[in-house]
Amino acid sequence: ALAIKAEKEAKEKEIEEAKKRVEAQKEEERRRIAEENAKKFAQKKKEMEAEKALKEQRKKEALERRKEEARQRQEENALAIKAEREAKEKEIEEAKKRAEEEKKKERELLAQENHSAFKARQDALAKEKKEKDEARQAALEARREEARRTQKENAALFSESSSKGTENTEATAGNS
């Protein structure tokens, strides 16, 4: 009976130890699974964080790209506005030059017209003066001619009267 009892106790002990080993194995398996799960979770978390960081990075890059594009558009707009303003200024400058050239041409034409009119007036005055001088000269010539004729007539009259006077003097002398 002792042997049976000892055998029974040994079997129970063996069963107990087998249970403990199975329990230890299960515990080890649970611990290993928990560790793997923890590793998987950590890996998943790390991947999600990496993905989130990547999304953030892409978002940042997209924002930077939009900012750069906006800056470039603004720069292009500023350049376009500047070019447009310069073109308008150039156009205005050219219009001013054209207007100035037209004014200059008008002044030149006016000066030519004035010169022509002045020359025509001068010519007319010169012609009038010439005509007056010629008329004066002709009148002077006529007066001289008249004076010569009068002088000749006077000389003729004088010589006639002188010869009559001589005759009268002779006749008077002959009567005496």
N, C-alpha and C. Protein backbone atom coordinates (compact mmCIF):
# COMPACT_ATOMS: atom_id res chain seq x y z
N ALA A 1 0.84 -1.19 0.00
CA ALA A 1 0.00 0.00 0.00
C ALA A 1 0.87 1.24 0.00
N LEU A 2 1.96 1.16 0.66
CA LEU A 2 2.88 2.30 0.66
C LEU A 2 3.44 2.50 -0.73
N ALA A 3 3.76 1.39 -1.34
CA ALA A 3 4.32 1.47 -2.70
C ALA A 3 3.29 2.08 -3.63
N ILE A 4 2.07 1.71 -3.49
CA ILE A 4 0.99 2.24 -4.33
C ILE A 4 0.83 3.72 -4.03
N LYS A 5 0.86 4.04 -2.78
CA LYS A 5 0.71 5.43 -2.36
C LYS A 5 1.87 6.23 -2.89
N ALA A 6 3.08 5.69 -2.78
CA ALA A 6 4.28 6.39 -3.25
C ALA A 6 4.20 6.54 -4.76
N GLU A 7 3.74 5.51 -5.40
CA GLU A 7 3.61 5.54 -6.85
C GLU A 7 2.56 6.56 -7.25
N LYS A 8 1.47 6.57 -6.49
CA LYS A 8 0.38 7.51 -6.77
C LYS A 8 0.88 8.92 -6.56
N GLU A 9 1.61 9.15 -5.51
CA GLU A 9 2.15 10.48 -5.21
C GLU A 9 3.15 10.88 -6.29
N ALA A 10 3.96 9.89 -6.72
CA ALA A 10 4.95 10.16 -7.75
C ALA A 10 4.23 10.55 -9.04
N LYS A 11 3.16 9.84 -9.37
CA LYS A 11 2.39 10.13 -10.57
C LYS A 11 1.76 11.51 -10.44
N GLU A 12 1.19 11.81 -9.25
CA GLU A 12 0.55 13.10 -9.04
C GLU A 12 1.59 14.21 -9.16
N LYS A 13 2.77 13.89 -8.58
CA LYS A 13 3.86 14.86 -8.64
C LYS A 13 4.27 15.06 -10.10
N GLU A 14 4.36 13.96 -10.81
CA GLU A 14 4.73 13.99 -12.22
C GLU A 14 3.68 14.77 -13.01
N ILE A 15 2.41 14.50 -12.72
CA ILE A 15 1.30 15.19 -13.37
C ILE A 15 1.38 16.67 -13.02
N GLU A 16 1.67 16.94 -11.76
CA GLU A 16 1.78 18.32 -11.27
C GLU A 16 2.91 19.02 -12.01
N GLU A 17 4.04 18.34 -12.11
CA GLU A 17 5.18 18.92 -12.80
C GLU A 17 4.87 19.09 -14.27
N ALA A 18 4.18 18.10 -14.89
CA ALA A 18 3.79 18.18 -16.30
C ALA A 18 2.87 19.38 -16.48
N LYS A 19 1.92 19.57 -15.52
CA LYS A 19 0.98 20.70 -15.58
C LYS A 19 1.78 22.00 -15.50
N LYS A 20 2.77 22.00 -14.53
CA LYS A 20 3.59 23.20 -14.36
C LYS A 20 4.37 23.49 -15.64
N ARG A 21 4.93 22.40 -16.25
CA ARG A 21 5.69 22.59 -17.49
C ARG A 21 4.78 23.11 -18.59
N VAL A 22 3.59 22.51 -18.72
CA VAL A 22 2.62 22.95 -19.73
C VAL A 22 2.24 24.41 -19.45
N GLU A 23 2.00 24.70 -18.18
CA GLU A 23 1.63 26.08 -17.78
C GLU A 23 2.78 27.02 -18.11
N ALA A 24 4.03 26.56 -17.80
CA ALA A 24 5.21 27.39 -18.08
C ALA A 24 5.35 27.58 -19.58
N GLN A 25 5.12 26.51 -20.35
CA GLN A 25 5.20 26.61 -21.80
C GLN A 25 4.13 27.58 -22.33
N LYS A 26 2.91 27.43 -21.77
CA LYS A 26 1.82 28.32 -22.18
C LYS A 26 2.18 29.76 -21.85
N GLU A 27 2.72 29.94 -20.64
CA GLU A 27 3.13 31.28 -20.18
C GLU A 27 4.20 31.82 -21.11
N GLU A 28 5.17 30.94 -21.42
CA GLU A 28 6.25 31.34 -22.33
C GLU A 28 5.67 31.70 -23.69
N GLU A 29 4.72 30.88 -24.20
CA GLU A 29 4.06 31.13 -25.48
C GLU A 29 3.31 32.45 -25.44
N ARG A 30 2.56 32.68 -24.33
CA ARG A 30 1.82 33.95 -24.17
C ARG A 30 2.78 35.13 -24.15
N ARG A 31 3.88 34.97 -23.41
CA ARG A 31 4.89 36.03 -23.31
C ARG A 31 5.49 36.31 -24.69
N ARG A 32 5.83 35.21 -25.42
CA ARG A 32 6.40 35.34 -26.76
C ARG A 32 5.41 36.02 -27.70
N ILE A 33 4.14 35.59 -27.65
CA ILE A 33 3.10 36.18 -28.49
C ILE A 33 2.91 37.66 -28.13
N ALA A 34 2.88 37.93 -26.82
CA ALA A 34 2.72 39.31 -26.36
C ALA A 34 3.90 40.15 -26.84
N GLU A 35 5.10 39.58 -26.76
CA GLU A 35 6.32 40.28 -27.21
C GLU A 35 6.25 40.54 -28.72
N GLU A 36 5.84 39.50 -29.47
CA GLU A 36 5.71 39.64 -30.92
C GLU A 36 4.67 40.70 -31.25
N ASN A 37 3.52 40.59 -30.51
CA ASN A 37 2.46 41.59 -30.73
C ASN A 37 2.97 42.99 -30.41
N ALA A 38 3.73 43.09 -29.32
CA ALA A 38 4.28 44.39 -28.92
C ALA A 38 5.23 44.89 -30.01
N LYS A 39 6.07 43.94 -30.53
CA LYS A 39 6.99 44.30 -31.60
C LYS A 39 6.21 44.73 -32.84
N LYS A 40 5.18 43.91 -33.19
CA LYS A 40 4.35 44.24 -34.36
C LYS A 40 3.69 45.60 -34.18
N PHE A 41 3.14 45.81 -32.97
CA PHE A 41 2.48 47.08 -32.66
C PHE A 41 3.48 48.23 -32.78
N ALA A 42 4.67 48.01 -32.20
CA ALA A 42 5.71 49.04 -32.25
C ALA A 42 6.10 49.30 -33.70
N GLN A 43 6.23 48.18 -34.49
CA GLN A 43 6.57 48.32 -35.91
C GLN A 43 5.47 49.07 -36.65
N LYS A 44 4.23 48.69 -36.36
CA LYS A 44 3.07 49.32 -37.01
C LYS A 44 3.03 50.79 -36.64
N LYS A 45 3.25 51.08 -35.33
CA LYS A 45 3.24 52.45 -34.84
C LYS A 45 4.35 53.25 -35.53
N LYS A 46 5.52 52.61 -35.63
CA LYS A 46 6.67 53.26 -36.27
C LYS A 46 6.34 53.56 -37.73
N GLU A 47 5.75 52.55 -38.42
CA GLU A 47 5.36 52.74 -39.83
C GLU A 47 4.33 53.85 -39.97
N MET A 48 3.35 53.87 -39.06
CA MET A 48 2.31 54.90 -39.11
C MET A 48 2.92 56.29 -38.87
N GLU A 49 3.86 56.35 -37.91
CA GLU A 49 4.53 57.62 -37.62
C GLU A 49 5.36 58.06 -38.82
N ALA A 50 6.03 57.05 -39.45
CA ALA A 50 6.84 57.36 -40.64
C ALA A 50 5.93 57.86 -41.76
N GLU A 51 4.79 57.16 -41.91
CA GLU A 51 3.81 57.55 -42.93
C GLU A 51 3.27 58.95 -42.65
N LYS A 52 2.96 59.19 -41.37
CA LYS A 52 2.46 60.50 -40.95
C LYS A 52 3.52 61.57 -41.22
N ALA A 53 4.77 61.24 -40.87
CA ALA A 53 5.88 62.18 -41.09
C ALA A 53 6.05 62.44 -42.58
N LEU A 54 5.92 61.37 -43.38
CA LEU A 54 6.03 61.50 -44.83
C LEU A 54 4.91 62.38 -45.37
N LYS A 55 3.67 62.12 -44.87
CA LYS A 55 2.52 62.95 -45.28
C LYS A 55 2.76 64.41 -44.92
N GLU A 56 3.25 64.63 -43.68
CA GLU A 56 3.55 65.99 -43.23
C GLU A 56 4.61 66.63 -44.12
N GLN A 57 5.66 65.82 -44.42
CA GLN A 57 6.74 66.31 -45.28
C GLN A 57 6.19 66.69 -46.65
N ARG A 58 5.35 65.81 -47.23
CA ARG A 58 4.75 66.08 -48.54
C ARG A 58 3.86 67.32 -48.49
N LYS A 59 3.10 67.40 -47.38
CA LYS A 59 2.22 68.55 -47.18
C LYS A 59 3.06 69.84 -47.14
N LYS A 60 4.16 69.79 -46.37
CA LYS A 60 5.07 70.92 -46.23
C LYS A 60 5.66 71.30 -47.60
N GLU A 61 6.11 70.24 -48.32
CA GLU A 61 6.71 70.47 -49.63
C GLU A 61 5.69 71.08 -50.59
N ALA A 62 4.45 70.55 -50.55
CA ALA A 62 3.38 71.07 -51.41
C ALA A 62 3.12 72.54 -51.07
N LEU A 63 3.09 72.84 -49.76
CA LEU A 63 2.87 74.21 -49.32
C LEU A 63 4.01 75.11 -49.80
N GLU A 64 5.24 74.61 -49.63
CA GLU A 64 6.42 75.37 -50.08
C GLU A 64 6.35 75.60 -51.59
N ARG A 65 5.96 74.53 -52.32
CA ARG A 65 5.84 74.63 -53.78
C ARG A 65 4.79 75.67 -54.16
N ARG A 66 3.64 75.63 -53.46
CA ARG A 66 2.57 76.62 -53.74
C ARG A 66 3.06 78.03 -53.42
N LYS A 67 3.79 78.15 -52.30
CA LYS A 67 4.34 79.47 -51.92
C LYS A 67 5.30 79.95 -53.01
N GLU A 68 6.18 79.05 -53.46
CA GLU A 68 7.17 79.40 -54.49
C GLU A 68 6.46 79.78 -55.80
N GLU A 69 5.44 78.96 -56.15
CA GLU A 69 4.67 79.26 -57.37
C GLU A 69 3.98 80.61 -57.24
N ALA A 70 3.41 80.87 -56.08
CA ALA A 70 2.75 82.15 -55.84
C ALA A 70 3.76 83.29 -55.93
N ARG A 71 4.94 83.07 -55.34
CA ARG A 71 6.00 84.10 -55.39
C ARG A 71 6.43 84.35 -56.84
N GLN A 72 6.59 83.24 -57.59
CA GLN A 72 6.98 83.36 -59.00
C GLN A 72 5.90 84.09 -59.80
N ARG A 73 4.62 83.73 -59.54
CA ARG A 73 3.52 84.41 -60.24
C ARG A 73 3.52 85.89 -59.92
N GLN A 74 3.74 86.18 -58.63
CA GLN A 74 3.78 87.57 -58.19
C GLN A 74 4.93 88.30 -58.88
N GLU A 75 6.08 87.63 -58.95
CA GLU A 75 7.26 88.21 -59.60
C GLU A 75 6.97 88.43 -61.09
N GLU A 76 6.37 87.39 -61.72
CA GLU A 76 6.02 87.50 -63.15
C GLU A 76 5.03 88.62 -63.37
N ASN A 77 4.02 88.71 -62.47
CA ASN A 77 3.04 89.78 -62.57
C ASN A 77 3.71 91.14 -62.43
N ALA A 78 4.63 91.22 -61.45
CA ALA A 78 5.35 92.48 -61.23
C ALA A 78 6.16 92.84 -62.47
N LEU A 79 6.83 91.83 -63.04
CA LEU A 79 7.62 92.06 -64.25
C LEU A 79 6.72 92.47 -65.42
N ALA A 80 5.57 91.79 -65.52
CA ALA A 80 4.62 92.11 -66.60
C ALA A 80 4.10 93.53 -66.43
N ILE A 81 3.76 93.87 -65.18
CA ILE A 81 3.27 95.23 -64.90
C ILE A 81 4.35 96.25 -65.21
N LYS A 82 5.58 95.93 -64.80
CA LYS A 82 6.71 96.84 -65.06
C LYS A 82 6.91 97.00 -66.56
N ALA A 83 6.89 95.86 -67.28
CA ALA A 83 7.08 95.90 -68.74
C ALA A 83 5.96 96.70 -69.40
N GLU A 84 4.73 96.48 -68.91
CA GLU A 84 3.58 97.22 -69.45
C GLU A 84 3.73 98.71 -69.18
N ARG A 85 4.15 99.04 -67.96
CA ARG A 85 4.34 100.45 -67.59
C ARG A 85 5.44 101.08 -68.45
N GLU A 86 6.54 100.31 -68.62
CA GLU A 86 7.65 100.80 -69.45
C GLU A 86 7.20 101.00 -70.89
N ALA A 87 6.38 100.03 -71.39
CA ALA A 87 5.88 100.13 -72.76
C ALA A 87 5.00 101.37 -72.90
N LYS A 88 4.13 101.60 -71.89
CA LYS A 88 3.26 102.79 -71.92
C LYS A 88 4.10 104.06 -71.87
N GLU A 89 5.11 104.05 -70.98
CA GLU A 89 5.99 105.23 -70.86
C GLU A 89 6.71 105.48 -72.19
N LYS A 90 7.16 104.39 -72.81
CA LYS A 90 7.86 104.51 -74.09
C LYS A 90 6.89 105.06 -75.15
N GLU A 91 5.66 104.51 -75.13
CA GLU A 91 4.63 104.96 -76.07
C GLU A 91 4.35 106.45 -75.87
N ILE A 92 4.23 106.85 -74.60
CA ILE A 92 3.98 108.26 -74.27
C ILE A 92 5.16 109.11 -74.74
N GLU A 93 6.37 108.59 -74.48
CA GLU A 93 7.59 109.31 -74.88
C GLU A 93 7.63 109.48 -76.39
N GLU A 94 7.29 108.39 -77.11
CA GLU A 94 7.28 108.45 -78.57
C GLU A 94 6.21 109.40 -79.06
N ALA A 95 5.05 109.37 -78.40
CA ALA A 95 3.96 110.29 -78.77
C ALA A 95 4.41 111.73 -78.55
N LYS A 96 5.11 111.97 -77.41
CA LYS A 96 5.64 113.31 -77.13
C LYS A 96 6.62 113.73 -78.22
N LYS A 97 7.53 112.77 -78.58
CA LYS A 97 8.52 113.07 -79.62
C LYS A 97 7.82 113.40 -80.94
N ARG A 98 6.81 112.56 -81.29
CA ARG A 98 6.07 112.82 -82.54
C ARG A 98 5.41 114.18 -82.49
N ALA A 99 4.77 114.49 -81.34
CA ALA A 99 4.10 115.78 -81.19
C ALA A 99 5.11 116.91 -81.31
N GLU A 100 6.27 116.71 -80.69
CA GLU A 100 7.34 117.72 -80.73
C GLU A 100 7.83 117.90 -82.16
N GLU A 101 8.01 116.77 -82.86
CA GLU A 101 8.45 116.83 -84.26
C GLU A 101 7.40 117.55 -85.12
N GLU A 102 6.11 117.22 -84.87
CA GLU A 102 5.03 117.88 -85.61
C GLU A 102 5.03 119.38 -85.33
N LYS A 103 5.20 119.74 -84.04
CA LYS A 103 5.26 121.16 -83.68
C LYS A 103 6.44 121.83 -84.38
N LYS A 104 7.59 121.11 -84.38
CA LYS A 104 8.80 121.65 -85.00
C LYS A 104 8.54 121.87 -86.49
N LYS A 105 7.91 120.85 -87.15
CA LYS A 105 7.60 120.98 -88.57
C LYS A 105 6.65 122.15 -88.81
N GLU A 106 5.63 122.24 -87.92
CA GLU A 106 4.67 123.35 -88.04
C GLU A 106 5.39 124.68 -87.90
N ARG A 107 6.31 124.76 -86.89
CA ARG A 107 7.07 126.00 -86.69
C ARG A 107 7.92 126.31 -87.92
N GLU A 108 8.56 125.23 -88.47
CA GLU A 108 9.38 125.43 -89.66
C GLU A 108 8.53 125.91 -90.82
N LEU A 109 7.35 125.24 -91.01
CA LEU A 109 6.45 125.65 -92.09
C LEU A 109 5.99 127.10 -91.88
N LEU A 110 5.64 127.38 -90.62
CA LEU A 110 5.19 128.74 -90.29
C LEU A 110 6.33 129.72 -90.54
N ALA A 111 7.55 129.31 -90.14
CA ALA A 111 8.71 130.18 -90.36
C ALA A 111 8.92 130.37 -91.86
N GLN A 112 8.79 129.27 -92.63
CA GLN A 112 8.94 129.38 -94.09
C GLN A 112 7.86 130.29 -94.67
N GLU A 113 6.61 130.04 -94.18
CA GLU A 113 5.51 130.89 -94.67
C GLU A 113 5.76 132.34 -94.28
N ASN A 114 6.17 132.54 -93.03
CA ASN A 114 6.46 133.90 -92.57
C ASN A 114 7.61 134.49 -93.38
N HIS A 115 8.63 133.65 -93.63
CA HIS A 115 9.78 134.11 -94.41
C HIS A 115 9.33 134.46 -95.82
N SER A 116 8.50 133.54 -96.38
CA SER A 116 7.98 133.78 -97.73
C SER A 116 7.15 135.06 -97.75
N ALA A 117 6.28 135.19 -96.75
CA ALA A 117 5.43 136.39 -96.67
C ALA A 117 6.30 137.62 -96.47
N PHE A 118 7.31 137.49 -95.58
CA PHE A 118 8.23 138.61 -95.31
C PHE A 118 8.97 138.97 -96.59
N LYS A 119 9.49 137.92 -97.29
CA LYS A 119 10.22 138.14 -98.53
C LYS A 119 9.30 138.80 -99.55
N ALA A 120 8.07 138.28 -99.64
CA ALA A 120 7.11 138.85 -100.58
C ALA A 120 6.86 140.32 -100.23
N ARG A 121 6.71 140.63 -98.94
CA ARG A 121 6.51 142.02 -98.49
C ARG A 121 7.73 142.86 -98.84
N GLN A 122 8.93 142.25 -98.55
CA GLN A 122 10.18 142.95 -98.86
C GLN A 122 10.27 143.23 -100.36
N ASP A 123 9.94 142.17 -101.14
CA ASP A 123 9.98 142.32 -102.60
C ASP A 123 9.00 143.39 -103.06
N ALA A 124 7.78 143.33 -102.47
CA ALA A 124 6.76 144.31 -102.83
C ALA A 124 7.22 145.71 -102.45
N LEU A 125 7.80 145.83 -101.24
CA LEU A 125 8.31 147.14 -100.79
C LEU A 125 9.46 147.61 -101.69
N ALA A 126 10.34 146.65 -102.03
CA ALA A 126 11.47 146.99 -102.89
C ALA A 126 10.97 147.43 -104.26
N LYS A 127 9.96 146.70 -104.79
CA LYS A 127 9.38 147.03 -106.10
C LYS A 127 8.73 148.40 -106.04
N GLU A 128 7.97 148.61 -104.94
CA GLU A 128 7.28 149.90 -104.76
C GLU A 128 8.31 151.02 -104.67
N LYS A 129 9.38 150.79 -103.90
CA LYS A 129 10.44 151.79 -103.74
C LYS A 129 11.09 152.07 -105.09
N LYS A 130 11.35 150.95 -105.83
CA LYS A 130 11.97 151.09 -107.15
C LYS A 130 11.07 151.92 -108.06
N GLU A 131 9.76 151.55 -108.02
CA GLU A 131 8.81 152.28 -108.86
C GLU A 131 8.77 153.75 -108.45
N LYS A 132 8.76 154.00 -107.12
CA LYS A 132 8.75 155.40 -106.65
C LYS A 132 10.03 156.11 -107.07
N ASP A 133 11.18 155.39 -106.91
CA ASP A 133 12.48 155.97 -107.30
C ASP A 133 12.48 156.28 -108.79
N GLU A 134 11.94 155.30 -109.57
CA GLU A 134 11.89 155.52 -111.02
C GLU A 134 10.97 156.69 -111.34
N ALA A 135 9.81 156.73 -110.64
CA ALA A 135 8.86 157.83 -110.87
C ALA A 135 9.51 159.16 -110.47
N ARG A 136 10.21 159.16 -109.31
CA ARG A 136 10.89 160.36 -108.82
C ARG A 136 11.97 160.78 -109.83
N GLN A 137 12.71 159.73 -110.29
CA GLN A 137 13.79 159.99 -111.27
C GLN A 137 13.19 160.56 -112.55
N ALA A 138 12.07 159.95 -112.99
CA ALA A 138 11.42 160.43 -114.21
C ALA A 138 10.93 161.86 -114.00
N ALA A 139 10.34 162.13 -112.82
CA ALA A 139 9.85 163.48 -112.53
C ALA A 139 11.02 164.46 -112.49
N LEU A 140 12.11 164.01 -111.87
CA LEU A 140 13.31 164.86 -111.79
C LEU A 140 13.85 165.13 -113.19
N GLU A 141 13.90 164.05 -113.98
CA GLU A 141 14.37 164.17 -115.37
C GLU A 141 13.46 165.13 -116.13
N ALA A 142 12.14 164.99 -115.91
CA ALA A 142 11.17 165.87 -116.60
C ALA A 142 11.40 167.31 -116.17
N ARG A 143 11.62 167.52 -114.85
CA ARG A 143 11.86 168.89 -114.36
C ARG A 143 13.15 169.45 -114.96
N ARG A 144 14.18 168.61 -115.06
CA ARG A 144 15.46 169.04 -115.64
C ARG A 144 15.26 169.41 -117.10
N GLU A 145 14.52 168.52 -117.78
CA GLU A 145 14.23 168.76 -119.21
C GLU A 145 13.47 170.07 -119.35
N GLU A 146 12.48 170.22 -118.45
CA GLU A 146 11.67 171.45 -118.45
C GLU A 146 12.56 172.64 -118.16
N ALA A 147 13.48 172.47 -117.22
CA ALA A 147 14.40 173.56 -116.87
C ALA A 147 15.31 173.87 -118.06
N ARG A 148 15.81 172.81 -118.75
CA ARG A 148 16.67 173.01 -119.91
C ARG A 148 15.90 173.76 -121.00
N ARG A 149 14.65 173.27 -121.22
CA ARG A 149 13.83 173.90 -122.25
C ARG A 149 13.57 175.35 -121.88
N THR A 150 13.21 175.55 -120.62
CA THR A 150 12.94 176.92 -120.15
C THR A 150 14.22 177.74 -120.30
N GLN A 151 15.35 177.15 -119.94
CA GLN A 151 16.62 177.87 -120.05
C GLN A 151 16.93 178.21 -121.50
N LYS A 152 16.67 177.22 -122.40
CA LYS A 152 16.89 177.47 -123.82
C LYS A 152 15.97 178.59 -124.30
N GLU A 153 14.69 178.44 -123.87
CA GLU A 153 13.72 179.47 -124.28
C GLU A 153 14.15 180.82 -123.74
N ASN A 154 14.56 180.82 -122.48
CA ASN A 154 15.01 182.08 -121.87
C ASN A 154 16.24 182.61 -122.59
N ALA A 155 17.13 181.66 -122.92
CA ALA A 155 18.36 182.07 -123.61
C ALA A 155 17.99 182.62 -124.98
N ALA A 156 17.06 181.92 -125.64
CA ALA A 156 16.63 182.38 -126.96
C ALA A 156 15.97 183.74 -126.82
N LEU A 157 15.10 183.87 -125.85
CA LEU A 157 14.40 185.15 -125.63
C LEU A 157 15.42 186.23 -125.29
N PHE A 158 16.37 185.85 -124.47
CA PHE A 158 17.38 186.81 -124.03
C PHE A 158 18.23 187.25 -125.24
N SER A 159 18.59 186.22 -126.03
CA SER A 159 19.43 186.58 -127.17
C SER A 159 18.60 187.40 -128.14
N GLU A 160 17.32 187.06 -128.28
CA GLU A 160 16.44 187.84 -129.15
C GLU A 160 16.27 189.23 -128.59
N SER A 161 16.07 189.30 -127.32
CA SER A 161 15.88 190.60 -126.71
C SER A 161 17.19 191.36 -126.72
N SER A 162 18.29 190.66 -126.65
CA SER A 162 19.60 191.32 -126.69
C SER A 162 19.82 191.88 -128.09
N SER A 163 19.48 191.08 -129.08
CA SER A 163 19.70 191.57 -130.42
C SER A 163 18.74 192.73 -130.69
N LYS A 164 17.51 192.70 -130.22
CA LYS A 164 16.58 193.82 -130.38
C LYS A 164 17.09 195.01 -129.60
N GLY A 165 17.63 194.73 -128.46
CA GLY A 165 18.17 195.81 -127.62
C GLY A 165 19.34 196.45 -128.32
N THR A 166 20.12 195.69 -129.01
CA THR A 166 21.27 196.21 -129.72
C THR A 166 20.74 197.02 -130.89
N GLU A 167 19.72 196.48 -131.53
CA GLU A 167 19.12 197.21 -132.62
C GLU A 167 18.54 198.50 -132.10
N ASN A 168 17.87 198.39 -130.99
CA ASN A 168 17.27 199.59 -130.41
C ASN A 168 18.37 200.55 -129.99
N THR A 169 19.44 200.00 -129.48
CA THR A 169 20.54 200.85 -129.04
C THR A 169 21.18 201.48 -130.28
N GLU A 170 21.31 200.70 -131.32
CA GLU A 170 21.88 201.25 -132.54
C GLU A 170 20.96 202.28 -133.14
N ALA A 171 19.69 201.92 -133.09
CA ALA A 171 18.72 202.85 -133.64
C ALA A 171 18.67 204.10 -132.81
N THR A 172 18.78 203.97 -131.56
CA THR A 172 18.77 205.10 -130.66
C THR A 172 20.06 205.88 -130.89
N ALA A 173 21.14 205.16 -131.10
CA ALA A 173 22.41 205.81 -131.31
C ALA A 173 22.40 206.50 -132.69
N GLY A 174 21.75 205.85 -133.65
CA GLY A 174 21.66 206.43 -134.99
C GLY A 174 20.77 207.64 -135.01
N ASN A 175 19.83 207.72 -134.21
CA ASN A 175 18.91 208.84 -134.12
C ASN A 175 19.61 210.01 -133.45
N SER A 176 20.54 209.71 -132.68
CA SER A 176 21.18 210.79 -131.92
C SER A 176 22.04 211.53 -132.81
